[in-house]
Amino acid sequence: MSTAANDQKTEAVIQTLNRILELELAGVVRYMHYSFMIFGHNRIPIVSWLRSQADESQAHAALAGEHITSLGGHPSLKIGALLETHKHNIDEILQESLQHEEEGLAAYRDLLNQVTGWSIMLEEYARAQIAAEEMHLAEIRKMLRRPGSLK
């Protein structure tokens, strides 16, 4: 790969990593906000789960930022879209979380497509994040199912 082509590739990867960084930072805010809005009998375990998701989003943001700087890029100070829907029952929160996680999964898949055959380190990073996002999606889908439902 020529130097100019490699520079273009690096810039494209940095852009994708910055999109991931912004999504993960939005996840921190989103999950913390959700944790404040949970009421009722199951509040404590749900708040705990939401705050653990916020912590994980922060850790994912840190990883993305480190990869950006490793490539010589500048981490974004932006945050992904935050839409206040004023829907705060648990099912609605989980639906919004599902959409957010799907967006993150798509971004990590974009990254994997960009770096395959170019950087083993970034391939492995993308694969690990894809696995984590798929696990989150599976958990959220299970939480959205009604007890006793196997469908």
C-alpha atoms as a PDB file:
ATOM      1  CA  MET A   1       0.000   0.000   0.000  1.00  0.00           C
ATOM      2  CA  SER A   2       1.421   3.383  -0.973  1.00  0.00           C
ATOM      3  CA  THR A   3       2.049   6.016   1.666  1.00  0.00           C
ATOM      4  CA  ALA A   4      -0.839   8.155   0.382  1.00  0.00           C
ATOM      5  CA  ALA A   5      -3.192   5.158   0.365  1.00  0.00           C
ATOM      6  CA  ASN A   6      -2.085   4.168   3.861  1.00  0.00           C
ATOM      7  CA  ASP A   7      -2.655   7.742   5.070  1.00  0.00           C
ATOM      8  CA  GLN A   8      -6.160   7.712   3.585  1.00  0.00           C
ATOM      9  CA  LYS A   9      -6.865   4.355   5.205  1.00  0.00           C
ATOM     10  CA  THR A  10      -5.620   5.626   8.558  1.00  0.00           C
ATOM     11  CA  GLU A  11      -7.832   8.728   8.309  1.00  0.00           C
ATOM     12  CA  ALA A  12     -10.888   6.622   7.461  1.00  0.00           C
ATOM     13  CA  VAL A  13     -10.217   4.313  10.417  1.00  0.00           C
ATOM     14  CA  ILE A  14      -9.764   7.305  12.735  1.00  0.00           C
ATOM     15  CA  GLN A  15     -13.121   8.687  11.557  1.00  0.00           C
ATOM     16  CA  THR A  16     -14.815   5.378  12.345  1.00  0.00           C
ATOM     17  CA  LEU A  17     -13.096   5.186  15.737  1.00  0.00           C
ATOM     18  CA  ASN A  18     -14.250   8.728  16.494  1.00  0.00           C
ATOM     19  CA  ARG A  19     -17.812   7.732  15.607  1.00  0.00           C
ATOM     20  CA  ILE A  20     -17.445   4.798  18.018  1.00  0.00           C
ATOM     21  CA  LEU A  21     -16.016   7.104  20.693  1.00  0.00           C
ATOM     22  CA  GLU A  22     -18.973   9.462  20.323  1.00  0.00           C
ATOM     23  CA  LEU A  23     -21.466   6.566  20.494  1.00  0.00           C
ATOM     24  CA  GLU A  24     -19.833   5.127  23.596  1.00  0.00           C
ATOM     25  CA  LEU A  25     -19.792   8.521  25.327  1.00  0.00           C
ATOM     26  CA  ALA A  26     -23.472   8.901  24.487  1.00  0.00           C
ATOM     27  CA  GLY A  27     -23.973   5.470  26.051  1.00  0.00           C
ATOM     28  CA  VAL A  28     -22.470   6.702  29.320  1.00  0.00           C
ATOM     29  CA  VAL A  29     -24.914   9.609  29.464  1.00  0.00           C
ATOM     30  CA  ARG A  30     -27.861   7.562  28.222  1.00  0.00           C
ATOM     31  CA  TYR A  31     -27.424   4.707  30.723  1.00  0.00           C
ATOM     32  CA  MET A  32     -26.824   7.065  33.640  1.00  0.00           C
ATOM     33  CA  HIS A  33     -29.957   9.024  32.748  1.00  0.00           C
ATOM     34  CA  TYR A  34     -31.978   5.830  32.498  1.00  0.00           C
ATOM     35  CA  SER A  35     -30.689   4.717  35.893  1.00  0.00           C
ATOM     36  CA  PHE A  36     -32.128   7.866  37.484  1.00  0.00           C
ATOM     37  CA  MET A  37     -35.548   7.230  35.964  1.00  0.00           C
ATOM     38  CA  ILE A  38     -36.219   3.713  37.276  1.00  0.00           C
ATOM     39  CA  PHE A  39     -38.879   3.366  39.947  1.00  0.00           C
ATOM     40  CA  GLY A  40     -40.780   0.480  41.467  1.00  0.00           C
ATOM     41  CA  HIS A  41     -40.119  -2.900  43.047  1.00  0.00           C
ATOM     42  CA  ASN A  42     -37.276  -3.911  40.731  1.00  0.00           C
ATOM     43  CA  ARG A  43     -35.440  -0.591  40.906  1.00  0.00           C
ATOM     44  CA  ILE A  44     -32.250  -1.721  42.643  1.00  0.00           C
ATOM     45  CA  PRO A  45     -31.147  -4.497  40.253  1.00  0.00           C
ATOM     46  CA  ILE A  46     -32.176  -2.517  37.165  1.00  0.00           C
ATOM     47  CA  VAL A  47     -30.340   0.614  38.309  1.00  0.00           C
ATOM     48  CA  SER A  48     -27.290  -1.535  39.041  1.00  0.00           C
ATOM     49  CA  TRP A  49     -27.411  -3.072  35.560  1.00  0.00           C
ATOM     50  CA  LEU A  50     -27.845   0.312  33.855  1.00  0.00           C
ATOM     51  CA  ARG A  51     -24.931   1.818  35.770  1.00  0.00           C
ATOM     52  CA  SER A  52     -22.735  -1.145  34.889  1.00  0.00           C
ATOM     53  CA  GLN A  53     -23.627  -0.472  31.244  1.00  0.00           C
ATOM     54  CA  ALA A  54     -22.579   3.163  31.726  1.00  0.00           C
ATOM     55  CA  ASP A  55     -19.263   2.014  33.213  1.00  0.00           C
ATOM     56  CA  GLU A  56     -18.725  -0.376  30.314  1.00  0.00           C
ATOM     57  CA  SER A  57     -19.496   2.358  27.775  1.00  0.00           C
ATOM     58  CA  GLN A  58     -16.910   4.548  29.472  1.00  0.00           C
ATOM     59  CA  ALA A  59     -14.319   1.773  29.259  1.00  0.00           C
ATOM     60  CA  HIS A  60     -15.168   1.246  25.580  1.00  0.00           C
ATOM     61  CA  ALA A  61     -14.825   4.990  24.945  1.00  0.00           C
ATOM     62  CA  ALA A  62     -11.384   4.940  26.564  1.00  0.00           C
ATOM     63  CA  LEU A  63     -10.277   2.064  24.309  1.00  0.00           C
ATOM     64  CA  ALA A  64     -11.501   3.856  21.195  1.00  0.00           C
ATOM     65  CA  GLY A  65      -9.698   7.043  22.242  1.00  0.00           C
ATOM     66  CA  GLU A  66      -6.459   5.166  22.839  1.00  0.00           C
ATOM     67  CA  HIS A  67      -6.654   3.573  19.387  1.00  0.00           C
ATOM     68  CA  ILE A  68      -7.304   6.980  17.819  1.00  0.00           C
ATOM     69  CA  THR A  69      -4.203   8.477  19.413  1.00  0.00           C
ATOM     70  CA  SER A  70      -2.156   5.376  18.543  1.00  0.00           C
ATOM     71  CA  LEU A  71      -2.960   6.096  14.907  1.00  0.00           C
ATOM     72  CA  GLY A  72      -1.918   9.728  15.310  1.00  0.00           C
ATOM     73  CA  GLY A  73      -5.465  11.031  15.389  1.00  0.00           C
ATOM     74  CA  HIS A  74      -7.296  13.447  17.629  1.00  0.00           C
ATOM     75  CA  PRO A  75     -10.164  12.017  19.722  1.00  0.00           C
ATOM     76  CA  SER A  76     -13.459  13.766  19.184  1.00  0.00           C
ATOM     77  CA  LEU A  77     -14.910  15.956  21.900  1.00  0.00           C
ATOM     78  CA  LYS A  78     -18.386  15.385  20.494  1.00  0.00           C
ATOM     79  CA  ILE A  79     -20.948  13.046  21.920  1.00  0.00           C
ATOM     80  CA  GLY A  80     -23.338  10.909  19.933  1.00  0.00           C
ATOM     81  CA  ALA A  81     -26.966  11.866  19.516  1.00  0.00           C
ATOM     82  CA  LEU A  82     -28.974  12.027  22.708  1.00  0.00           C
ATOM     83  CA  LEU A  83     -32.703  12.183  22.226  1.00  0.00           C
ATOM     84  CA  GLU A  84     -34.905  12.699  25.258  1.00  0.00           C
ATOM     85  CA  THR A  85     -38.045  10.775  24.456  1.00  0.00           C
ATOM     86  CA  HIS A  86     -39.592  11.232  27.910  1.00  0.00           C
ATOM     87  CA  LYS A  87     -40.419   7.527  27.792  1.00  0.00           C
ATOM     88  CA  HIS A  88     -39.262   6.079  31.062  1.00  0.00           C
ATOM     89  CA  ASN A  89     -40.996   2.799  31.630  1.00  0.00           C
ATOM     90  CA  ILE A  90     -38.602  -0.115  31.639  1.00  0.00           C
ATOM     91  CA  ASP A  91     -39.736  -1.621  28.333  1.00  0.00           C
ATOM     92  CA  GLU A  92     -39.319   1.722  26.568  1.00  0.00           C
ATOM     93  CA  ILE A  93     -35.892   2.231  28.107  1.00  0.00           C
ATOM     94  CA  LEU A  94     -34.872  -1.238  26.983  1.00  0.00           C
ATOM     95  CA  GLN A  95     -36.164  -0.580  23.456  1.00  0.00           C
ATOM     96  CA  GLU A  96     -34.096   2.612  23.287  1.00  0.00           C
ATOM     97  CA  SER A  97     -31.107   0.694  24.670  1.00  0.00           C
ATOM     98  CA  LEU A  98     -31.593  -1.958  22.016  1.00  0.00           C
ATOM     99  CA  GLN A  99     -31.482   0.680  19.271  1.00  0.00           C
ATOM    100  CA  HIS A 100     -28.381   2.262  20.790  1.00  0.00           C
ATOM    101  CA  GLU A 101     -26.566  -1.088  21.028  1.00  0.00           C
ATOM    102  CA  GLU A 102     -27.517  -1.950  17.433  1.00  0.00           C
ATOM    103  CA  GLU A 103     -26.002   1.342  16.271  1.00  0.00           C
ATOM    104  CA  GLY A 104     -22.817   0.551  18.193  1.00  0.00           C
ATOM    105  CA  LEU A 105     -22.677  -2.941  16.727  1.00  0.00           C
ATOM    106  CA  ALA A 106     -22.965  -1.507  13.209  1.00  0.00           C
ATOM    107  CA  ALA A 107     -20.097   0.926  13.909  1.00  0.00           C
ATOM    108  CA  TYR A 108     -17.840  -1.855  15.188  1.00  0.00           C
ATOM    109  CA  ARG A 109     -18.701  -3.979  12.143  1.00  0.00           C
ATOM    110  CA  ASP A 110     -17.787  -1.024   9.915  1.00  0.00           C
ATOM    111  CA  LEU A 111     -14.459  -0.822  11.733  1.00  0.00           C
ATOM    112  CA  LEU A 112     -13.825  -4.538  11.276  1.00  0.00           C
ATOM    113  CA  ASN A 113     -14.522  -4.253   7.549  1.00  0.00           C
ATOM    114  CA  GLN A 114     -12.088  -1.342   7.307  1.00  0.00           C
ATOM    115  CA  VAL A 115      -9.202  -2.965   9.180  1.00  0.00           C
ATOM    116  CA  THR A 116      -9.407  -6.594   8.057  1.00  0.00           C
ATOM    117  CA  GLY A 117      -6.035  -7.457   6.536  1.00  0.00           C
ATOM    118  CA  TRP A 118      -4.627  -4.056   7.549  1.00  0.00           C
ATOM    119  CA  SER A 119      -4.202  -4.240  11.337  1.00  0.00           C
ATOM    120  CA  ILE A 120      -4.435  -7.408  13.432  1.00  0.00           C
ATOM    121  CA  MET A 121      -4.609  -5.311  16.609  1.00  0.00           C
ATOM    122  CA  LEU A 122      -7.618  -3.363  15.361  1.00  0.00           C
ATOM    123  CA  GLU A 123      -9.217  -6.512  13.916  1.00  0.00           C
ATOM    124  CA  GLU A 124      -9.018  -8.195  17.312  1.00  0.00           C
ATOM    125  CA  TYR A 125     -10.299  -5.068  19.043  1.00  0.00           C
ATOM    126  CA  ALA A 126     -13.251  -4.825  16.640  1.00  0.00           C
ATOM    127  CA  ARG A 127     -14.063  -8.531  17.018  1.00  0.00           C
ATOM    128  CA  ALA A 128     -14.009  -8.307  20.824  1.00  0.00           C
ATOM    129  CA  GLN A 129     -16.270  -5.260  20.770  1.00  0.00           C
ATOM    130  CA  ILE A 130     -18.640  -6.929  18.307  1.00  0.00           C
ATOM    131  CA  ALA A 131     -18.872  -9.922  20.646  1.00  0.00           C
ATOM    132  CA  ALA A 132     -19.584  -7.621  23.604  1.00  0.00           C
ATOM    133  CA  GLU A 133     -22.263  -5.706  21.688  1.00  0.00           C
ATOM    134  CA  GLU A 134     -23.903  -8.931  20.504  1.00  0.00           C
ATOM    135  CA  MET A 135     -23.962 -10.130  24.121  1.00  0.00           C
ATOM    136  CA  HIS A 136     -25.590  -6.854  25.228  1.00  0.00           C
ATOM    137  CA  LEU A 137     -28.206  -7.184  22.505  1.00  0.00           C
ATOM    138  CA  ALA A 138     -28.984 -10.760  23.543  1.00  0.00           C
ATOM    139  CA  GLU A 139     -29.377  -9.695  27.186  1.00  0.00           C
ATOM    140  CA  ILE A 140     -31.643  -6.786  26.318  1.00  0.00           C
ATOM    141  CA  ARG A 141     -33.778  -9.002  24.094  1.00  0.00           C
ATOM    142  CA  LYS A 142     -34.125 -11.478  26.971  1.00  0.00           C
ATOM    143  CA  MET A 143     -35.128  -8.685  29.333  1.00  0.00           C
ATOM    144  CA  LEU A 144     -37.803  -7.569  26.873  1.00  0.00           C
ATOM    145  CA  ARG A 145     -39.362 -11.028  26.823  1.00  0.00           C
ATOM    146  CA  ARG A 146     -42.166 -11.819  29.226  1.00  0.00           C
ATOM    147  CA  PRO A 147     -41.450 -14.375  31.970  1.00  0.00           C
ATOM    148  CA  GLY A 148     -42.126 -17.872  30.711  1.00  0.00           C
ATOM    149  CA  SER A 149     -41.764 -16.829  27.075  1.00  0.00           C
ATOM    150  CA  LEU A 150     -39.457 -18.999  25.030  1.00  0.00           C
ATOM    151  CA  LYS A 151     -40.195 -17.257  21.760  1.00  0.00           C
END
